[in-house]
Amino acid sequence: MTIDQQTRTELEAAAFRRLVDHLQKRTDVQNIDLMNLAGFCRNCLSKWLKEEADGRSLPVSMDETREAVYGMPYDAWKKLYQKEASPDQQKSFAATMADPSKHG
């Protein structure tokens, strides 16, 4: 892209917000499915957000970054939407986690 850094940062931030909004609306999509297909999930986004805040010495907690990504407290999201992972999902997850190139 041939745009200035500030505009690029703004575009990337807007795309991130749209991704988070999309994931908040798609409560039918389980984190384990995201991990198995894409190598990242809502928890990864929360951790990345926390790491970036920490890198800038910002006082942001993991609970706050999870709530920013999930759109509600993490425990509430789990209670409302998280389902038990099937044996096939667990097997795929184990394979994904065994290969660092496949996850964030």
PDB file of N, CA and C in Angstrom:
ATOM      1  N   MET A   1       0.846  -1.180   0.000  1.00  0.00           N
ATOM      2  CA  MET A   1       0.000   0.000   0.000  1.00  0.00           C
ATOM      3  C   MET A   1       0.889   1.240   0.000  1.00  0.00           C
ATOM      4  N   THR A   2       0.478   2.211  -0.725  1.00  0.00           N
ATOM      5  CA  THR A   2       1.226   3.464  -0.775  1.00  0.00           C
ATOM      6  C   THR A   2       0.460   4.562  -0.049  1.00  0.00           C
ATOM      7  N   ILE A   3       0.371   4.381   1.274  1.00  0.00           N
ATOM      8  CA  ILE A   3      -0.296   5.371   2.124  1.00  0.00           C
ATOM      9  C   ILE A   3       0.629   5.688   3.294  1.00  0.00           C
ATOM     10  N   ASP A   4       0.373   6.797   3.938  1.00  0.00           N
ATOM     11  CA  ASP A   4       1.229   7.174   5.068  1.00  0.00           C
ATOM     12  C   ASP A   4       0.963   6.261   6.270  1.00  0.00           C
ATOM     13  N   GLN A   5       1.915   6.241   7.187  1.00  0.00           N
ATOM     14  CA  GLN A   5       1.856   5.337   8.343  1.00  0.00           C
ATOM     15  C   GLN A   5       0.633   5.587   9.215  1.00  0.00           C
ATOM     16  N   GLN A   6       0.275   6.839   9.442  1.00  0.00           N
ATOM     17  CA  GLN A   6      -0.884   7.159  10.275  1.00  0.00           C
ATOM     18  C   GLN A   6      -2.161   6.595   9.663  1.00  0.00           C
ATOM     19  N   THR A   7      -2.334   6.771   8.366  1.00  0.00           N
ATOM     20  CA  THR A   7      -3.528   6.240   7.689  1.00  0.00           C
ATOM     21  C   THR A   7      -3.529   4.720   7.741  1.00  0.00           C
ATOM     22  N   ARG A   8      -2.369   4.125   7.534  1.00  0.00           N
ATOM     23  CA  ARG A   8      -2.276   2.664   7.608  1.00  0.00           C
ATOM     24  C   ARG A   8      -2.684   2.166   8.997  1.00  0.00           C
ATOM     25  N   THR A   9      -2.169   2.822  10.032  1.00  0.00           N
ATOM     26  CA  THR A   9      -2.521   2.447  11.403  1.00  0.00           C
ATOM     27  C   THR A   9      -4.020   2.581  11.636  1.00  0.00           C
ATOM     28  N   GLU A  10      -4.613   3.643  11.138  1.00  0.00           N
ATOM     29  CA  GLU A  10      -6.061   3.845  11.283  1.00  0.00           C
ATOM     30  C   GLU A  10      -6.849   2.764  10.558  1.00  0.00           C
ATOM     31  N   LEU A  11      -6.406   2.395   9.361  1.00  0.00           N
ATOM     32  CA  LEU A  11      -7.082   1.328   8.609  1.00  0.00           C
ATOM     33  C   LEU A  11      -6.964  -0.009   9.337  1.00  0.00           C
ATOM     34  N   GLU A  12      -5.772  -0.291   9.841  1.00  0.00           N
ATOM     35  CA  GLU A  12      -5.568  -1.544  10.566  1.00  0.00           C
ATOM     36  C   GLU A  12      -6.408  -1.584  11.835  1.00  0.00           C
ATOM     37  N   ALA A  13      -6.485  -0.484  12.541  1.00  0.00           N
ATOM     38  CA  ALA A  13      -7.310  -0.419  13.753  1.00  0.00           C
ATOM     39  C   ALA A  13      -8.783  -0.629  13.413  1.00  0.00           C
ATOM     40  N   ALA A  14      -9.235  -0.016  12.337  1.00  0.00           N
ATOM     41  CA  ALA A  14     -10.640  -0.182  11.919  1.00  0.00           C
ATOM     42  C   ALA A  14     -10.912  -1.633  11.537  1.00  0.00           C
ATOM     43  N   ALA A  15      -9.975  -2.261  10.836  1.00  0.00           N
ATOM     44  CA  ALA A  15     -10.154  -3.664  10.452  1.00  0.00           C
ATOM     45  C   ALA A  15     -10.182  -4.555  11.694  1.00  0.00           C
ATOM     46  N   PHE A  16      -9.329  -4.265  12.674  1.00  0.00           N
ATOM     47  CA  PHE A  16      -9.321  -5.026  13.921  1.00  0.00           C
ATOM     48  C   PHE A  16     -10.674  -4.894  14.629  1.00  0.00           C
ATOM     49  N   ARG A  17     -11.189  -3.665  14.704  1.00  0.00           N
ATOM     50  CA  ARG A  17     -12.489  -3.461  15.358  1.00  0.00           C
ATOM     51  C   ARG A  17     -13.591  -4.227  14.633  1.00  0.00           C
ATOM     52  N   ARG A  18     -13.537  -4.263  13.316  1.00  0.00           N
ATOM     53  CA  ARG A  18     -14.538  -5.016  12.551  1.00  0.00           C
ATOM     54  C   ARG A  18     -14.410  -6.513  12.808  1.00  0.00           C
ATOM     55  N   LEU A  19     -13.174  -7.010  12.895  1.00  0.00           N
ATOM     56  CA  LEU A  19     -12.960  -8.421  13.204  1.00  0.00           C
ATOM     57  C   LEU A  19     -13.538  -8.752  14.570  1.00  0.00           C
ATOM     58  N   VAL A  20     -13.241  -7.929  15.565  1.00  0.00           N
ATOM     59  CA  VAL A  20     -13.749  -8.156  16.921  1.00  0.00           C
ATOM     60  C   VAL A  20     -15.281  -8.110  16.912  1.00  0.00           C
ATOM     61  N   ASP A  21     -15.858  -7.134  16.250  1.00  0.00           N
ATOM     62  CA  ASP A  21     -17.312  -7.025  16.154  1.00  0.00           C
ATOM     63  C   ASP A  21     -17.904  -8.275  15.506  1.00  0.00           C
ATOM     64  N   HIS A  22     -17.278  -8.735  14.451  1.00  0.00           N
ATOM     65  CA  HIS A  22     -17.744  -9.943  13.751  1.00  0.00           C
ATOM     66  C   HIS A  22     -17.701 -11.158  14.684  1.00  0.00           C
ATOM     67  N   LEU A  23     -16.590 -11.310  15.407  1.00  0.00           N
ATOM     68  CA  LEU A  23     -16.474 -12.446  16.317  1.00  0.00           C
ATOM     69  C   LEU A  23     -17.462 -12.350  17.480  1.00  0.00           C
ATOM     70  N   GLN A  24     -17.762 -11.127  17.927  1.00  0.00           N
ATOM     71  CA  GLN A  24     -18.763 -10.974  18.988  1.00  0.00           C
ATOM     72  C   GLN A  24     -20.147 -11.395  18.502  1.00  0.00           C
ATOM     73  N   LYS A  25     -20.445 -11.148  17.250  1.00  0.00           N
ATOM     74  CA  LYS A  25     -21.745 -11.523  16.693  1.00  0.00           C
ATOM     75  C   LYS A  25     -21.820 -13.006  16.355  1.00  0.00           C
ATOM     76  N   ARG A  26     -20.692 -13.629  16.063  1.00  0.00           N
ATOM     77  CA  ARG A  26     -20.666 -15.035  15.669  1.00  0.00           C
ATOM     78  C   ARG A  26     -20.393 -15.930  16.873  1.00  0.00           C
ATOM     79  N   THR A  27     -21.299 -15.863  17.830  1.00  0.00           N
ATOM     80  CA  THR A  27     -21.150 -16.663  19.047  1.00  0.00           C
ATOM     81  C   THR A  27     -21.299 -18.156  18.762  1.00  0.00           C
ATOM     82  N   ASP A  28     -21.815 -18.492  17.589  1.00  0.00           N
ATOM     83  CA  ASP A  28     -21.936 -19.889  17.202  1.00  0.00           C
ATOM     84  C   ASP A  28     -20.586 -20.506  16.847  1.00  0.00           C
ATOM     85  N   VAL A  29     -19.612 -19.671  16.549  1.00  0.00           N
ATOM     86  CA  VAL A  29     -18.280 -20.159  16.199  1.00  0.00           C
ATOM     87  C   VAL A  29     -17.467 -20.320  17.481  1.00  0.00           C
ATOM     88  N   GLN A  30     -17.076 -21.540  17.746  1.00  0.00           N
ATOM     89  CA  GLN A  30     -16.337 -21.848  18.958  1.00  0.00           C
ATOM     90  C   GLN A  30     -14.857 -21.502  18.787  1.00  0.00           C
ATOM     91  N   ASN A  31     -14.212 -21.142  19.886  1.00  0.00           N
ATOM     92  CA  ASN A  31     -12.784 -20.830  19.846  1.00  0.00           C
ATOM     93  C   ASN A  31     -11.965 -21.999  19.326  1.00  0.00           C
ATOM     94  N   ILE A  32     -12.327 -23.200  19.716  1.00  0.00           N
ATOM     95  CA  ILE A  32     -11.553 -24.364  19.277  1.00  0.00           C
ATOM     96  C   ILE A  32     -11.638 -24.515  17.757  1.00  0.00           C
ATOM     97  N   ASP A  33     -12.787 -24.170  17.171  1.00  0.00           N
ATOM     98  CA  ASP A  33     -12.915 -24.227  15.716  1.00  0.00           C
ATOM     99  C   ASP A  33     -12.029 -23.177  15.054  1.00  0.00           C
ATOM    100  N   LEU A  34     -11.996 -21.973  15.635  1.00  0.00           N
ATOM    101  CA  LEU A  34     -11.112 -20.935  15.117  1.00  0.00           C
ATOM    102  C   LEU A  34      -9.654 -21.388  15.186  1.00  0.00           C
ATOM    103  N   MET A  35      -9.259 -21.967  16.307  1.00  0.00           N
ATOM    104  CA  MET A  35      -7.880 -22.442  16.463  1.00  0.00           C
ATOM    105  C   MET A  35      -7.572 -23.537  15.443  1.00  0.00           C
ATOM    106  N   ASN A  36      -8.490 -24.468  15.284  1.00  0.00           N
ATOM    107  CA  ASN A  36      -8.249 -25.584  14.374  1.00  0.00           C
ATOM    108  C   ASN A  36      -8.178 -25.134  12.919  1.00  0.00           C
ATOM    109  N   LEU A  37      -8.947 -24.124  12.559  1.00  0.00           N
ATOM    110  CA  LEU A  37      -8.972 -23.665  11.170  1.00  0.00           C
ATOM    111  C   LEU A  37      -7.971 -22.549  10.882  1.00  0.00           C
ATOM    112  N   ALA A  38      -7.831 -21.615  11.817  1.00  0.00           N
ATOM    113  CA  ALA A  38      -7.037 -20.418  11.539  1.00  0.00           C
ATOM    114  C   ALA A  38      -5.788 -20.285  12.407  1.00  0.00           C
ATOM    115  N   GLY A  39      -5.693 -21.082  13.464  1.00  0.00           N
ATOM    116  CA  GLY A  39      -4.527 -20.999  14.326  1.00  0.00           C
ATOM    117  C   GLY A  39      -4.566 -19.872  15.339  1.00  0.00           C
ATOM    118  N   PHE A  40      -5.727 -19.231  15.482  1.00  0.00           N
ATOM    119  CA  PHE A  40      -5.907 -18.211  16.510  1.00  0.00           C
ATOM    120  C   PHE A  40      -7.385 -18.176  16.885  1.00  0.00           C
ATOM    121  N   CYS A  41      -7.664 -17.563  18.034  1.00  0.00           N
ATOM    122  CA  CYS A  41      -9.049 -17.468  18.495  1.00  0.00           C
ATOM    123  C   CYS A  41      -9.244 -16.168  19.266  1.00  0.00           C
ATOM    124  N   ARG A  42     -10.390 -16.022  19.864  1.00  0.00           N
ATOM    125  CA  ARG A  42     -10.679 -14.821  20.651  1.00  0.00           C
ATOM    126  C   ARG A  42      -9.677 -14.652  21.795  1.00  0.00           C
ATOM    127  N   ASN A  43      -9.306 -15.763  22.416  1.00  0.00           N
ATOM    128  CA  ASN A  43      -8.335 -15.687  23.510  1.00  0.00           C
ATOM    129  C   ASN A  43      -6.980 -15.187  23.008  1.00  0.00           C
ATOM    130  N   CYS A  44      -6.580 -15.619  21.816  1.00  0.00           N
ATOM    131  CA  CYS A  44      -5.326 -15.129  21.236  1.00  0.00           C
ATOM    132  C   CYS A  44      -5.399 -13.622  21.036  1.00  0.00           C
ATOM    133  N   LEU A  45      -6.490 -13.138  20.471  1.00  0.00           N
ATOM    134  CA  LEU A  45      -6.643 -11.697  20.275  1.00  0.00           C
ATOM    135  C   LEU A  45      -6.558 -10.960  21.602  1.00  0.00           C
ATOM    136  N   SER A  46      -7.187 -11.516  22.624  1.00  0.00           N
ATOM    137  CA  SER A  46      -7.139 -10.899  23.958  1.00  0.00           C
ATOM    138  C   SER A  46      -5.707 -10.844  24.475  1.00  0.00           C
ATOM    139  N   LYS A  47      -4.973 -11.939  24.313  1.00  0.00           N
ATOM    140  CA  LYS A  47      -3.583 -11.997  24.780  1.00  0.00           C
ATOM    141  C   LYS A  47      -2.707 -11.034  23.995  1.00  0.00           C
ATOM    142  N   TRP A  48      -2.911 -10.948  22.684  1.00  0.00           N
ATOM    143  CA  TRP A  48      -2.112 -10.035  21.864  1.00  0.00           C
ATOM    144  C   TRP A  48      -2.370  -8.592  22.271  1.00  0.00           C
ATOM    145  N   LEU A  49      -3.630  -8.281  22.537  1.00  0.00           N
ATOM    146  CA  LEU A  49      -3.982  -6.935  22.975  1.00  0.00           C
ATOM    147  C   LEU A  49      -3.312  -6.621  24.315  1.00  0.00           C
ATOM    148  N   LYS A  50      -3.331  -7.578  25.227  1.00  0.00           N
ATOM    149  CA  LYS A  50      -2.690  -7.422  26.536  1.00  0.00           C
ATOM    150  C   LYS A  50      -1.181  -7.243  26.378  1.00  0.00           C
ATOM    151  N   GLU A  51      -0.557  -8.044  25.523  1.00  0.00           N
ATOM    152  CA  GLU A  51       0.886  -7.928  25.305  1.00  0.00           C
ATOM    153  C   GLU A  51       1.255  -6.565  24.742  1.00  0.00           C
ATOM    154  N   GLU A  52       0.455  -6.047  23.840  1.00  0.00           N
ATOM    155  CA  GLU A  52       0.724  -4.722  23.272  1.00  0.00           C
ATOM    156  C   GLU A  52       0.572  -3.637  24.338  1.00  0.00           C
ATOM    157  N   ALA A  53      -0.438  -3.772  25.184  1.00  0.00           N
ATOM    158  CA  ALA A  53      -0.616  -2.810  26.282  1.00  0.00           C
ATOM    159  C   ALA A  53       0.567  -2.881  27.244  1.00  0.00           C
ATOM    160  N   ASP A  54       0.976  -4.095  27.587  1.00  0.00           N
ATOM    161  CA  ASP A  54       2.122  -4.269  28.484  1.00  0.00           C
ATOM    162  C   ASP A  54       3.386  -3.666  27.876  1.00  0.00           C
ATOM    163  N   GLY A  55       3.567  -3.853  26.577  1.00  0.00           N
ATOM    164  CA  GLY A  55       4.738  -3.322  25.895  1.00  0.00           C
ATOM    165  C   GLY A  55       4.797  -1.805  25.907  1.00  0.00           C
ATOM    166  N   ARG A  56       3.658  -1.197  26.137  1.00  0.00           N
ATOM    167  CA  ARG A  56       3.584   0.269  26.222  1.00  0.00           C
ATOM    168  C   ARG A  56       3.386   0.735  27.669  1.00  0.00           C
ATOM    169  N   SER A  57       3.543  -0.200  28.604  1.00  0.00           N
ATOM    170  CA  SER A  57       3.394   0.067  30.044  1.00  0.00           C
ATOM    171  C   SER A  57       2.033   0.665  30.377  1.00  0.00           C
ATOM    172  N   LEU A  58       0.990   0.176  29.702  1.00  0.00           N
ATOM    173  CA  LEU A  58      -0.370   0.637  29.965  1.00  0.00           C
ATOM    174  C   LEU A  58      -1.025  -0.279  30.994  1.00  0.00           C
ATOM    175  N   PRO A  59      -1.733   0.284  31.964  1.00  0.00           N
ATOM    176  CA  PRO A  59      -2.345  -0.519  33.018  1.00  0.00           C
ATOM    177  C   PRO A  59      -3.656  -1.175  32.553  1.00  0.00           C
ATOM    178  N   VAL A  60      -3.528  -2.213  31.737  1.00  0.00           N
ATOM    179  CA  VAL A  60      -4.688  -2.925  31.207  1.00  0.00           C
ATOM    180  C   VAL A  60      -4.601  -4.375  31.674  1.00  0.00           C
ATOM    181  N   SER A  61      -5.692  -4.877  32.234  1.00  0.00           N
ATOM    182  CA  SER A  61      -5.689  -6.253  32.738  1.00  0.00           C
ATOM    183  C   SER A  61      -6.133  -7.237  31.651  1.00  0.00           C
ATOM    184  N   MET A  62      -5.831  -8.497  31.875  1.00  0.00           N
ATOM    185  CA  MET A  62      -6.281  -9.547  30.965  1.00  0.00           C
ATOM    186  C   MET A  62      -7.804  -9.596  30.925  1.00  0.00           C
ATOM    187  N   ASP A  63      -8.440  -9.396  32.066  1.00  0.00           N
ATOM    188  CA  ASP A  63      -9.909  -9.369  32.096  1.00  0.00           C
ATOM    189  C   ASP A  63     -10.447  -8.257  31.197  1.00  0.00           C
ATOM    190  N   GLU A  64      -9.777  -7.106  31.199  1.00  0.00           N
ATOM    191  CA  GLU A  64     -10.216  -5.980  30.368  1.00  0.00           C
ATOM    192  C   GLU A  64     -10.034  -6.277  28.880  1.00  0.00           C
ATOM    193  N   THR A  65      -8.920  -6.899  28.514  1.00  0.00           N
ATOM    194  CA  THR A  65      -8.724  -7.196  27.093  1.00  0.00           C
ATOM    195  C   THR A  65      -9.677  -8.297  26.641  1.00  0.00           C
ATOM    196  N   ARG A  66      -9.941  -9.250  27.507  1.00  0.00           N
ATOM    197  CA  ARG A  66     -10.926 -10.285  27.146  1.00  0.00           C
ATOM    198  C   ARG A  66     -12.309  -9.669  26.954  1.00  0.00           C
ATOM    199  N   GLU A  67     -12.693  -8.783  27.848  1.00  0.00           N
ATOM    200  CA  GLU A  67     -14.002  -8.147  27.711  1.00  0.00           C
ATOM    201  C   GLU A  67     -14.070  -7.301  26.437  1.00  0.00           C
ATOM    202  N   ALA A  68     -12.960  -6.670  26.073  1.00  0.00           N
ATOM    203  CA  ALA A  68     -12.929  -5.877  24.837  1.00  0.00           C
ATOM    204  C   ALA A  68     -13.133  -6.775  23.614  1.00  0.00           C
ATOM    205  N   VAL A  69     -12.578  -7.968  23.643  1.00  0.00           N
ATOM    206  CA  VAL A  69     -12.697  -8.886  22.512  1.00  0.00           C
ATOM    207  C   VAL A  69     -14.026  -9.642  22.540  1.00  0.00           C
ATOM    208  N   TYR A  70     -14.427 -10.123  23.690  1.00  0.00           N
ATOM    209  CA  TYR A  70     -15.653 -10.921  23.794  1.00  0.00           C
ATOM    210  C   TYR A  70     -16.917 -10.065  23.838  1.00  0.00           C
ATOM    211  N   GLY A  71     -16.779  -8.805  24.226  1.00  0.00           N
ATOM    212  CA  GLY A  71     -17.948  -7.935  24.335  1.00  0.00           C
ATOM    213  C   GLY A  71     -18.706  -8.111  25.634  1.00  0.00           C
ATOM    214  N   MET A  72     -18.141  -8.867  26.542  1.00  0.00           N
ATOM    215  CA  MET A  72     -18.727  -9.130  27.861  1.00  0.00           C
ATOM    216  C   MET A  72     -17.656  -9.818  28.692  1.00  0.00           C
ATOM    217  N   PRO A  73     -17.866  -9.933  29.996  1.00  0.00           N
ATOM    218  CA  PRO A  73     -16.886 -10.677  30.798  1.00  0.00           C
ATOM    219  C   PRO A  73     -16.714 -12.102  30.251  1.00  0.00           C
ATOM    220  N   TYR A  74     -15.480 -12.565  30.258  1.00  0.00           N
ATOM    221  CA  TYR A  74     -15.141 -13.874  29.699  1.00  0.00           C
ATOM    222  C   TYR A  74     -15.968 -15.001  30.305  1.00  0.00           C
ATOM    223  N   ASP A  75     -16.128 -14.997  31.630  1.00  0.00           N
ATOM    224  CA  ASP A  75     -16.910 -16.059  32.275  1.00  0.00           C
ATOM    225  C   ASP A  75     -18.358 -16.061  31.799  1.00  0.00           C
ATOM    226  N   ALA A  76     -18.920 -14.891  31.567  1.00  0.00           N
ATOM    227  CA  ALA A  76     -20.296 -14.807  31.062  1.00  0.00           C
ATOM    228  C   ALA A  76     -20.370 -15.381  29.652  1.00  0.00           C
ATOM    229  N   TRP A  77     -19.395 -15.052  28.805  1.00  0.00           N
ATOM    230  CA  TRP A  77     -19.386 -15.579  27.437  1.00  0.00           C
ATOM    231  C   TRP A  77     -19.300 -17.103  27.453  1.00  0.00           C
ATOM    232  N   LYS A  78     -18.393 -17.631  28.280  1.00  0.00           N
ATOM    233  CA  LYS A  78     -18.245 -19.091  28.358  1.00  0.00           C
ATOM    234  C   LYS A  78     -19.558 -19.737  28.783  1.00  0.00           C
ATOM    235  N   LYS A  79     -20.197 -19.154  29.790  1.00  0.00           N
ATOM    236  CA  LYS A  79     -21.444 -19.720  30.298  1.00  0.00           C
ATOM    237  C   LYS A  79     -22.550 -19.692  29.231  1.00  0.00           C
ATOM    238  N   LEU A  80     -22.617 -18.609  28.483  1.00  0.00           N
ATOM    239  CA  LEU A  80     -23.666 -18.450  27.474  1.00  0.00           C
ATOM    240  C   LEU A  80     -23.404 -19.213  26.182  1.00  0.00           C
ATOM    241  N   TYR A  81     -22.141 -19.279  25.744  1.00  0.00           N
ATOM    242  CA  TYR A  81     -21.882 -19.727  24.377  1.00  0.00           C
ATOM    243  C   TYR A  81     -20.905 -20.885  24.211  1.00  0.00           C
ATOM    244  N   GLN A  82     -20.025 -21.109  25.170  1.00  0.00           N
ATOM    245  CA  GLN A  82     -19.020 -22.154  24.975  1.00  0.00           C
ATOM    246  C   GLN A  82     -19.628 -23.531  25.139  1.00  0.00           C
ATOM    247  N   LYS A  83     -19.309 -24.398  24.195  1.00  0.00           N
ATOM    248  CA  LYS A  83     -19.788 -25.786  24.221  1.00  0.00           C
ATOM    249  C   LYS A  83     -18.614 -26.713  24.494  1.00  0.00           C
ATOM    250  N   GLU A  84     -18.934 -27.900  24.945  1.00  0.00           N
ATOM    251  CA  GLU A  84     -17.912 -28.915  25.185  1.00  0.00           C
ATOM    252  C   GLU A  84     -17.289 -29.314  23.844  1.00  0.00           C
ATOM    253  N   ALA A  85     -15.973 -29.366  23.792  1.00  0.00           N
ATOM    254  CA  ALA A  85     -15.279 -29.755  22.565  1.00  0.00           C
ATOM    255  C   ALA A  85     -15.441 -31.254  22.322  1.00  0.00           C
ATOM    256  N   SER A  86     -15.691 -31.583  21.076  1.00  0.00           N
ATOM    257  CA  SER A  86     -15.825 -32.998  20.706  1.00  0.00           C
ATOM    258  C   SER A  86     -14.444 -33.654  20.677  1.00  0.00           C
ATOM    259  N   PRO A  87     -14.403 -34.988  20.711  1.00  0.00           N
ATOM    260  CA  PRO A  87     -13.102 -35.660  20.602  1.00  0.00           C
ATOM    261  C   PRO A  87     -12.352 -35.275  19.314  1.00  0.00           C
ATOM    262  N   ASP A  88     -13.060 -35.122  18.207  1.00  0.00           N
ATOM    263  CA  ASP A  88     -12.415 -34.722  16.953  1.00  0.00           C
ATOM    264  C   ASP A  88     -11.835 -33.314  17.056  1.00  0.00           C
ATOM    265  N   GLN A  89     -12.578 -32.398  17.668  1.00  0.00           N
ATOM    266  CA  GLN A  89     -12.079 -31.035  17.848  1.00  0.00           C
ATOM    267  C   GLN A  89     -10.833 -31.047  18.723  1.00  0.00           C
ATOM    268  N   GLN A  90     -10.866 -31.825  19.797  1.00  0.00           N
ATOM    269  CA  GLN A  90      -9.717 -31.904  20.698  1.00  0.00           C
ATOM    270  C   GLN A  90      -8.493 -32.489  19.995  1.00  0.00           C
ATOM    271  N   LYS A  91      -8.708 -33.497  19.157  1.00  0.00           N
ATOM    272  CA  LYS A  91      -7.607 -34.120  18.420  1.00  0.00           C
ATOM    273  C   LYS A  91      -6.989 -33.116  17.441  1.00  0.00           C
ATOM    274  N   SER A  92      -7.832 -32.393  16.710  1.00  0.00           N
ATOM    275  CA  SER A  92      -7.332 -31.372  15.784  1.00  0.00           C
ATOM    276  C   SER A  92      -6.593 -30.267  16.525  1.00  0.00           C
ATOM    277  N   PHE A  93      -7.125 -29.873  17.684  1.00  0.00           N
ATOM    278  CA  PHE A  93      -6.496 -28.838  18.485  1.00  0.00           C
ATOM    279  C   PHE A  93      -5.105 -29.279  18.944  1.00  0.00           C
ATOM    280  N   ALA A  94      -4.994 -30.508  19.398  1.00  0.00           N
ATOM    281  CA  ALA A  94      -3.702 -31.033  19.850  1.00  0.00           C
ATOM    282  C   ALA A  94      -2.693 -31.020  18.705  1.00  0.00           C
ATOM    283  N   ALA A  95      -3.136 -31.373  17.511  1.00  0.00           N
ATOM    284  CA  ALA A  95      -2.244 -31.363  16.351  1.00  0.00           C
ATOM    285  C   ALA A  95      -1.837 -29.939  16.001  1.00  0.00           C
ATOM    286  N   THR A  96      -2.774 -28.996  16.076  1.00  0.00           N
ATOM    287  CA  THR A  96      -2.476 -27.590  15.786  1.00  0.00           C
ATOM    288  C   THR A  96      -1.460 -27.057  16.787  1.00  0.00           C
ATOM    289  N   MET A  97      -1.668 -27.355  18.045  1.00  0.00           N
ATOM    290  CA  MET A  97      -0.789 -26.826  19.086  1.00  0.00           C
ATOM    291  C   MET A  97       0.607 -27.475  19.036  1.00  0.00           C
ATOM    292  N   ALA A  98       0.682 -28.695  18.496  1.00  0.00           N
ATOM    293  CA  ALA A  98       1.967 -29.369  18.393  1.00  0.00           C
ATOM    294  C   ALA A  98       2.845 -28.753  17.310  1.00  0.00           C
ATOM    295  N   ASP A  99       2.230 -28.027  16.371  1.00  0.00           N
ATOM    296  CA  ASP A  99       2.977 -27.411  15.265  1.00  0.00           C
ATOM    297  C   ASP A  99       2.911 -25.890  15.429  1.00  0.00           C
ATOM    298  N   PRO A 100       3.976 -25.269  15.974  1.00  0.00           N
ATOM    299  CA  PRO A 100       3.964 -23.832  16.236  1.00  0.00           C
ATOM    300  C   PRO A 100       3.682 -22.968  15.004  1.00  0.00           C
ATOM    301  N   SER A 101       3.964 -23.468  13.819  1.00  0.00           N
ATOM    302  CA  SER A 101       3.717 -22.680  12.611  1.00  0.00           C
ATOM    303  C   SER A 101       2.223 -22.540  12.306  1.00  0.00           C
ATOM    304  N   LYS A 102       1.400 -23.306  13.016  1.00  0.00           N
ATOM    305  CA  LYS A 102      -0.040 -23.299  12.749  1.00  0.00           C
ATOM    306  C   LYS A 102      -0.847 -22.487  13.747  1.00  0.00           C
ATOM    307  N   HIS A 103      -0.193 -21.857  14.694  1.00  0.00           N
ATOM    308  CA  HIS A 103      -0.954 -21.045  15.661  1.00  0.00           C
ATOM    309  C   HIS A 103      -0.198 -19.790  16.033  1.00  0.00           C
ATOM    310  N   GLY A 104      -1.012 -18.801  16.481  1.00  0.00           N
ATOM    311  CA  GLY A 104      -0.464 -17.488  16.844  1.00  0.00           C
ATOM    312  C   GLY A 104       0.068 -17.525  18.218  1.00  0.00           C
TER     313      GLY A 104
END
